Amino acid sequence: MKRALITGVTGQDGSYLAELLLEKGYEVYGMIRRSSVDYRERIAHLEGTPHFHLKFGDLGDSISLVKLIGEVKPDEIYNLAAQSHVQVSFDVPEFTADIDATGVLRVLEAVRVCGLEKTCRIYQASTSELYGKVEEVPQRETTPFHPYSPYAVAKQYGFWIIKEYREAYGMFAVNGILFNHESERRGENFVTRKITLAAGRIAEGLQDHLELGNMDSLRDWGYAKDYVECMWMILQHDTPEDFVIATGEQHTVRDFTERAFKANGIDIRWEGTGVDEKGYDKATGKMLVCVNPEWFRPTDVDNLWGDPTKAKTVLGWNPQKTTYAELVEIMAKHDRARAKQEKAMKAAQQ
């Protein structure tokens, strides 16, 4: 039975990956940080099941990583843990660098210290934010990087240190360059989840309106549950190679917003441009969406579009298993149900 260690197991991708690996017969170890706050909601249904274990460790602590990797002796490591919010990286750039850059190095060194460099395969969750101020559309494995945020700069170090250890020490260490991966488990401070939560709450009369930043930003949004399958396929490949994980389609924040409200029975009519743009309910004329300049980033990436050709042809991965339209529907339906529960609880308390 293969043994896999997942850092970031409590996150969106980590929880889906844990489910996938358990289905494939793995012994799965999830690394969690010590905390007085319970943040294990996404994996609560897995706790107590056979072959799933939680172990303490931290990407900021080399000793904890050496102890954990030495104890588990994994065949595969999926390094998904990170400070993964672009906007937040402008507020905590030093912490972002320590975890997203140096943290990758700590994992690689821990594997070497434990003498597992020839037997343990390592997947690093890289990001489309590396392309930043894009120099080619669509972006593929050979597209030059131009990182445009503290998060992207930190992730670029992680990308290159993986390649360096692969070439210097012959390690099976690879990068998956993930374009925007969303789901009903996405963190609530990410724009897609912010939109679907707001659409559901507005439809239930729990929220007045939604404020967004750059409505013209173009993103390649895919379903995280499909993306973790590609992560696994990358580590099963005969040779260590880096792959773009994307759908090959791009859409604006405006389009995602419009579809999320449509899924809740609300048609949006847009008026104005730039910071003056507003979305109105066609049926009532009420303003439901507006732009807040505070949500603009100091440097913003506005044209991400991935080319998944290599993953399709080399690995046989299907980037359109869940379509963009289906993704929005899945998220909107989930968050409408959540809004209904919230409304019912408030009514019961009155």
Protein backbone atom coordinates (compact mmCIF):
# COMPACT_ATOMS: atom_id res chain seq x y z
CA MET A 1 0.00 0.00 0.00
CA LYS A 2 1.42 3.38 -1.05
CA ARG A 3 1.87 6.03 1.63
CA ALA A 4 1.12 9.66 0.79
CA LEU A 5 1.72 12.76 2.87
CA ILE A 6 -0.42 15.83 2.13
CA THR A 7 0.52 19.23 3.49
CA GLY A 8 -2.45 21.59 3.41
CA VAL A 9 -4.84 18.65 3.90
CA THR A 10 -7.43 20.88 5.60
CA GLY A 11 -7.73 23.11 2.53
CA GLN A 12 -9.92 22.81 -0.55
CA ASP A 13 -7.42 20.85 -2.66
CA GLY A 14 -6.07 18.82 0.24
CA SER A 15 -9.49 17.52 1.22
CA TYR A 16 -10.35 16.48 -2.34
CA LEU A 17 -6.93 14.90 -2.82
CA ALA A 18 -7.25 12.93 0.42
CA GLU A 19 -10.58 11.52 -0.79
CA LEU A 20 -9.08 10.59 -4.17
CA LEU A 21 -6.03 8.85 -2.70
CA LEU A 22 -8.15 6.89 -0.20
CA GLU A 23 -10.32 5.70 -3.09
CA LYS A 24 -7.14 4.54 -4.84
CA GLY A 25 -6.06 2.48 -1.83
CA TYR A 26 -3.42 4.76 -0.32
CA GLU A 27 -2.46 5.13 3.31
CA VAL A 28 -2.98 8.88 3.63
CA TYR A 29 -1.26 11.14 6.15
CA GLY A 30 -2.39 14.73 6.43
CA MET A 31 -0.16 17.35 8.02
CA ILE A 32 -1.92 19.84 10.29
CA ARG A 33 -0.63 22.72 12.40
CA ARG A 34 -1.20 22.89 16.13
CA SER A 35 -4.03 25.32 16.84
CA SER A 36 -6.59 26.06 19.55
CA VAL A 37 -9.11 26.77 16.79
CA ASP A 38 -10.82 23.93 14.90
CA TYR A 39 -10.17 24.40 11.17
CA ARG A 40 -10.76 20.81 10.02
CA GLU A 41 -14.28 21.25 8.63
CA ARG A 42 -13.36 20.07 5.12
CA ILE A 43 -11.90 16.76 6.35
CA ALA A 44 -14.19 16.08 9.33
CA HIS A 45 -15.95 13.33 7.36
CA LEU A 46 -12.62 11.54 6.85
CA GLU A 47 -11.45 11.53 10.45
CA GLY A 48 -11.75 8.13 12.05
CA THR A 49 -11.86 6.29 8.71
CA PRO A 50 -9.34 3.52 8.00
CA HIS A 51 -6.04 4.53 6.39
CA PHE A 52 -6.47 8.26 7.09
CA HIS A 53 -4.20 9.84 9.69
CA LEU A 54 -3.51 13.38 10.87
CA LYS A 55 -0.03 14.35 12.02
CA PHE A 56 1.31 17.62 13.40
CA GLY A 57 3.84 19.60 11.38
CA ASP A 58 4.50 23.07 10.02
CA LEU A 59 6.18 24.36 6.85
CA GLY A 60 7.78 27.04 9.03
CA ASP A 61 9.50 24.47 11.25
CA SER A 62 12.23 22.30 9.73
CA ILE A 63 12.50 19.99 12.74
CA SER A 64 8.80 19.12 12.65
CA LEU A 65 9.09 18.26 8.96
CA VAL A 66 12.12 16.01 9.47
CA LYS A 67 10.35 14.20 12.30
CA LEU A 68 7.12 13.78 10.35
CA ILE A 69 8.70 12.63 7.08
CA GLY A 70 11.06 10.33 8.95
CA GLU A 71 8.14 8.74 10.79
CA VAL A 72 5.76 8.38 7.82
CA LYS A 73 8.39 7.55 5.16
CA PRO A 74 5.99 8.53 2.37
CA ASP A 75 6.19 7.29 -1.21
CA GLU A 76 4.58 10.55 -2.34
CA ILE A 77 4.39 14.05 -0.88
CA TYR A 78 1.87 16.59 -2.10
CA ASN A 79 2.96 20.01 -0.86
CA LEU A 80 -0.29 21.97 -1.05
CA ALA A 81 0.10 24.06 2.12
CA ALA A 82 0.67 27.77 1.54
CA GLN A 83 -0.41 31.29 2.31
CA SER A 84 -2.45 31.12 -0.86
CA HIS A 85 -4.35 34.42 -1.06
CA VAL A 86 -2.84 36.96 -3.46
CA GLN A 87 -4.37 40.05 -1.83
CA VAL A 88 -3.30 38.91 1.65
CA SER A 89 0.30 38.53 0.44
CA PHE A 90 0.53 42.31 0.11
CA ASP A 91 -0.34 42.58 3.80
CA VAL A 92 1.91 39.75 5.05
CA PRO A 93 4.73 39.49 2.47
CA GLU A 94 7.33 38.16 4.92
CA PHE A 95 5.10 35.34 6.19
CA THR A 96 4.13 34.52 2.59
CA ALA A 97 7.81 34.25 1.61
CA ASP A 98 8.64 32.06 4.61
CA ILE A 99 5.90 29.52 3.90
CA ASP A 100 5.47 29.64 0.11
CA ALA A 101 9.17 29.90 -0.75
CA THR A 102 11.39 28.66 2.10
CA GLY A 103 8.74 26.15 3.15
CA VAL A 104 9.23 24.27 -0.13
CA LEU A 105 12.97 24.12 0.51
CA ARG A 106 12.33 22.75 4.01
CA VAL A 107 10.27 19.89 2.57
CA LEU A 108 12.96 19.03 0.03
CA GLU A 109 15.72 19.10 2.63
CA ALA A 110 13.68 17.03 5.08
CA VAL A 111 13.30 14.34 2.42
CA ARG A 112 17.07 14.36 1.86
CA VAL A 113 17.89 14.32 5.58
CA CYS A 114 15.64 11.28 5.98
CA GLY A 115 17.41 9.51 3.09
CA LEU A 116 14.29 9.32 0.93
CA GLU A 117 15.47 11.38 -2.04
CA LYS A 118 15.54 8.34 -4.36
CA THR A 119 12.22 6.80 -3.28
CA CYS A 120 9.88 9.69 -2.42
CA ARG A 121 8.13 11.61 -5.21
CA ILE A 122 7.25 15.24 -4.49
CA TYR A 123 4.48 17.32 -6.03
CA GLN A 124 4.65 21.09 -5.55
CA ALA A 125 1.45 23.11 -5.96
CA SER A 126 2.65 25.93 -8.19
CA THR A 127 0.41 28.67 -9.58
CA SER A 128 -0.65 30.55 -12.70
CA GLU A 129 0.14 33.74 -10.77
CA LEU A 130 3.76 33.08 -11.81
CA TYR A 131 2.82 34.38 -15.27
CA GLY A 132 1.58 37.61 -13.69
CA LYS A 133 1.96 40.43 -16.18
CA VAL A 134 1.54 37.90 -18.96
CA GLU A 135 3.97 37.74 -21.85
CA GLU A 136 2.03 35.14 -23.85
CA VAL A 137 -1.64 34.14 -24.25
CA PRO A 138 -2.55 31.41 -23.53
CA GLN A 139 0.12 30.44 -21.00
CA ARG A 140 1.87 27.09 -21.21
CA GLU A 141 4.87 25.33 -19.62
CA THR A 142 7.35 27.33 -21.74
CA THR A 143 5.80 30.78 -21.16
CA PRO A 144 8.18 33.19 -19.34
CA PHE A 145 7.25 34.16 -15.78
CA HIS A 146 6.56 37.73 -14.72
CA PRO A 147 5.28 37.49 -11.11
CA TYR A 148 3.17 40.45 -10.06
CA SER A 149 2.55 40.03 -6.31
CA PRO A 150 4.48 38.96 -3.18
CA TYR A 151 2.60 35.65 -3.40
CA ALA A 152 3.72 35.05 -6.98
CA VAL A 153 7.33 36.00 -6.22
CA ALA A 154 7.41 33.53 -3.31
CA LYS A 155 5.85 30.82 -5.44
CA GLN A 156 8.44 31.42 -8.14
CA TYR A 157 11.19 30.51 -5.68
CA GLY A 158 9.23 27.35 -4.83
CA PHE A 159 8.97 26.48 -8.52
CA TRP A 160 12.68 26.90 -9.21
CA ILE A 161 13.94 25.17 -6.06
CA ILE A 162 11.89 22.11 -7.08
CA LYS A 163 13.56 22.13 -10.51
CA GLU A 164 16.99 22.67 -8.94
CA TYR A 165 16.69 19.69 -6.58
CA ARG A 166 15.36 17.57 -9.43
CA GLU A 167 18.41 18.33 -11.54
CA ALA A 168 21.02 18.53 -8.78
CA TYR A 169 20.02 15.43 -6.78
CA GLY A 170 18.00 13.37 -9.26
CA MET A 171 14.86 13.70 -7.15
CA PHE A 172 11.39 13.07 -8.58
CA ALA A 173 10.22 16.58 -7.74
CA VAL A 174 7.66 18.28 -9.98
CA ASN A 175 5.49 21.38 -10.28
CA GLY A 176 1.84 21.53 -11.21
CA ILE A 177 1.12 25.06 -12.43
CA LEU A 178 -2.48 25.35 -11.29
CA PHE A 179 -4.76 27.91 -12.82
CA ASN A 180 -7.71 29.09 -10.73
CA HIS A 181 -9.27 26.04 -9.10
CA GLU A 182 -12.62 26.56 -7.42
CA SER A 183 -15.34 24.56 -5.69
CA GLU A 184 -17.95 24.71 -2.97
CA ARG A 185 -15.04 24.15 -0.55
CA ARG A 186 -13.12 27.24 -1.71
CA GLY A 187 -12.17 29.70 1.02
CA GLU A 188 -14.76 32.40 1.55
CA ASN A 189 -12.30 35.25 0.93
CA PHE A 190 -11.65 34.11 -2.67
CA VAL A 191 -13.64 36.02 -5.27
CA THR A 192 -15.62 33.12 -6.76
CA ARG A 193 -16.84 31.94 -3.35
CA LYS A 194 -17.49 35.52 -2.28
CA ILE A 195 -19.74 35.86 -5.33
CA THR A 196 -21.70 32.61 -4.93
CA LEU A 197 -22.19 33.18 -1.20
CA ALA A 198 -23.45 36.71 -1.81
CA ALA A 199 -25.77 35.64 -4.64
CA GLY A 200 -27.38 33.02 -2.40
CA ARG A 201 -27.72 35.38 0.56
CA ILE A 202 -29.15 38.19 -1.59
CA ALA A 203 -31.70 35.76 -3.09
CA GLU A 204 -32.77 34.84 0.45
CA GLY A 205 -32.97 38.47 1.59
CA LEU A 206 -29.98 38.15 3.95
CA GLN A 207 -27.65 40.59 2.16
CA ASP A 208 -28.25 43.87 0.38
CA HIS A 209 -25.57 43.88 -2.31
CA LEU A 210 -22.15 42.59 -3.39
CA GLU A 211 -18.97 44.66 -3.74
CA LEU A 212 -16.22 43.55 -6.12
CA GLY A 213 -12.92 44.84 -7.55
CA ASN A 214 -11.77 44.54 -11.16
CA MET A 215 -14.77 43.18 -13.08
CA ASP A 216 -12.75 42.87 -16.30
CA SER A 217 -10.16 40.44 -14.86
CA LEU A 218 -9.95 37.32 -17.02
CA ARG A 219 -9.44 33.97 -15.31
CA ASP A 220 -9.26 30.30 -16.28
CA TRP A 221 -11.55 28.73 -13.66
CA GLY A 222 -11.71 24.96 -13.18
CA TYR A 223 -13.14 22.51 -10.64
CA ALA A 224 -10.66 21.69 -7.86
CA LYS A 225 -12.00 18.14 -7.59
CA ASP A 226 -10.87 17.52 -11.19
CA TYR A 227 -7.54 19.27 -10.70
CA VAL A 228 -6.39 16.99 -7.86
CA GLU A 229 -6.75 14.04 -10.23
CA CYS A 230 -4.19 15.71 -12.50
CA MET A 231 -1.85 16.23 -9.53
CA TRP A 232 -1.95 12.50 -8.88
CA MET A 233 -1.39 11.68 -12.57
CA ILE A 234 1.68 13.94 -12.64
CA LEU A 235 3.31 11.89 -9.87
CA GLN A 236 2.48 8.60 -11.62
CA HIS A 237 4.23 9.69 -14.84
CA ASP A 238 7.41 7.81 -15.78
CA THR A 239 9.58 10.91 -15.73
CA PRO A 240 9.51 14.02 -13.50
CA GLU A 241 8.05 16.87 -15.54
CA ASP A 242 6.18 20.11 -14.86
CA PHE A 243 2.63 20.55 -16.15
CA VAL A 244 0.09 23.33 -16.57
CA ILE A 245 -3.27 22.38 -15.00
CA ALA A 246 -6.03 24.46 -16.57
CA THR A 247 -9.29 24.22 -18.55
CA GLY A 248 -8.19 26.17 -21.63
CA GLU A 249 -11.07 28.65 -21.26
CA GLN A 250 -11.19 32.12 -19.72
CA HIS A 251 -14.03 34.25 -18.40
CA THR A 252 -14.40 37.63 -16.69
CA VAL A 253 -15.32 38.21 -13.07
CA ARG A 254 -18.42 39.92 -14.48
CA ASP A 255 -19.47 36.76 -16.34
CA PHE A 256 -18.99 34.58 -13.25
CA THR A 257 -21.08 37.03 -11.23
CA GLU A 258 -23.86 37.11 -13.82
CA ARG A 259 -24.03 33.31 -13.97
CA ALA A 260 -24.04 32.95 -10.17
CA PHE A 261 -27.01 35.29 -9.84
CA LYS A 262 -28.75 33.60 -12.79
CA ALA A 263 -28.43 30.26 -10.95
CA ASN A 264 -30.36 31.91 -8.12
CA GLY A 265 -33.13 33.13 -10.43
CA ILE A 266 -31.85 36.71 -10.72
CA ASP A 267 -31.00 38.31 -14.07
CA ILE A 268 -28.41 41.11 -13.86
CA ARG A 269 -28.41 44.23 -16.05
CA TRP A 270 -25.08 46.07 -16.16
CA GLU A 271 -24.69 49.84 -16.35
CA GLY A 272 -21.61 52.08 -16.27
CA THR A 273 -17.92 51.27 -16.69
CA GLY A 274 -14.87 50.99 -14.46
CA VAL A 275 -15.42 51.99 -10.84
CA ASP A 276 -18.89 53.27 -11.76
CA GLU A 277 -20.12 49.92 -13.07
CA LYS A 278 -23.17 48.51 -11.30
CA GLY A 279 -25.36 45.44 -11.69
CA TYR A 280 -29.12 45.77 -11.30
CA ASP A 281 -31.84 43.17 -10.86
CA LYS A 282 -33.70 43.28 -14.19
CA ALA A 283 -36.98 42.44 -12.47
CA THR A 284 -36.90 45.00 -9.63
CA GLY A 285 -34.30 47.57 -10.70
CA LYS A 286 -32.50 47.18 -7.36
CA MET A 287 -28.71 47.62 -7.38
CA LEU A 288 -27.16 44.29 -6.38
CA VAL A 289 -23.51 44.57 -7.53
CA CYS A 290 -21.08 47.48 -7.44
CA VAL A 291 -17.35 48.13 -7.68
CA ASN A 292 -15.35 49.09 -4.60
CA PRO A 293 -11.87 50.51 -5.43
CA GLU A 294 -10.58 49.11 -2.11
CA TRP A 295 -10.70 45.64 -3.66
CA PHE A 296 -8.23 46.55 -6.42
CA ARG A 297 -4.75 45.10 -5.86
CA PRO A 298 -1.61 47.29 -5.92
CA THR A 299 -0.51 45.28 -8.97
CA ASP A 300 -3.19 43.21 -10.64
CA VAL A 301 -3.02 40.23 -12.99
CA ASP A 302 -5.79 40.58 -15.55
CA ASN A 303 -5.37 37.94 -18.26
CA LEU A 304 -4.78 34.36 -17.08
CA TRP A 305 -5.58 31.64 -19.61
CA GLY A 306 -3.94 28.22 -19.43
CA ASP A 307 -3.08 25.80 -22.20
CA PRO A 308 -3.58 22.23 -20.87
CA THR A 309 -2.41 20.53 -24.08
CA LYS A 310 0.57 18.81 -22.44
CA ALA A 311 -1.52 17.38 -19.57
CA LYS A 312 -4.13 16.18 -22.08
CA THR A 313 -1.72 14.54 -24.51
CA VAL A 314 0.98 13.22 -22.16
CA LEU A 315 -1.12 12.24 -19.14
CA GLY A 316 -4.52 11.71 -20.76
CA TRP A 317 -6.17 14.14 -18.33
CA ASN A 318 -9.56 15.63 -19.23
CA PRO A 319 -9.62 19.37 -18.38
CA GLN A 320 -13.32 19.65 -19.26
CA LYS A 321 -14.64 16.86 -17.04
CA THR A 322 -16.60 19.56 -15.21
CA THR A 323 -17.42 22.54 -17.43
CA TYR A 324 -17.25 26.17 -16.37
CA ALA A 325 -21.05 26.41 -16.45
CA GLU A 326 -21.36 23.28 -14.30
CA LEU A 327 -18.80 24.65 -11.83
CA VAL A 328 -20.77 27.87 -11.28
CA GLU A 329 -23.97 25.84 -10.85
CA ILE A 330 -22.35 23.52 -8.29
CA MET A 331 -21.06 26.43 -6.22
CA ALA A 332 -24.24 28.51 -6.51
CA LYS A 333 -26.49 25.59 -5.54
CA HIS A 334 -24.33 24.78 -2.50
CA ASP A 335 -24.25 28.35 -1.26
CA ARG A 336 -28.00 28.91 -1.84
CA ALA A 337 -28.66 25.91 0.39
CA ARG A 338 -26.32 27.39 2.97
CA ALA A 339 -28.18 30.72 2.80
CA LYS A 340 -31.50 28.90 3.31
CA GLN A 341 -30.07 27.25 6.43
CA GLU A 342 -28.87 30.60 7.73
CA LYS A 343 -32.30 32.11 7.14
CA ALA A 344 -34.04 29.23 8.91
CA MET A 345 -31.73 29.54 11.92
CA LYS A 346 -32.39 33.27 12.20
CA ALA A 347 -36.13 32.67 11.99
CA ALA A 348 -35.93 30.03 14.73
CA GLN A 349 -34.11 32.45 17.03
CA GLN A 350 -36.78 35.14 16.73
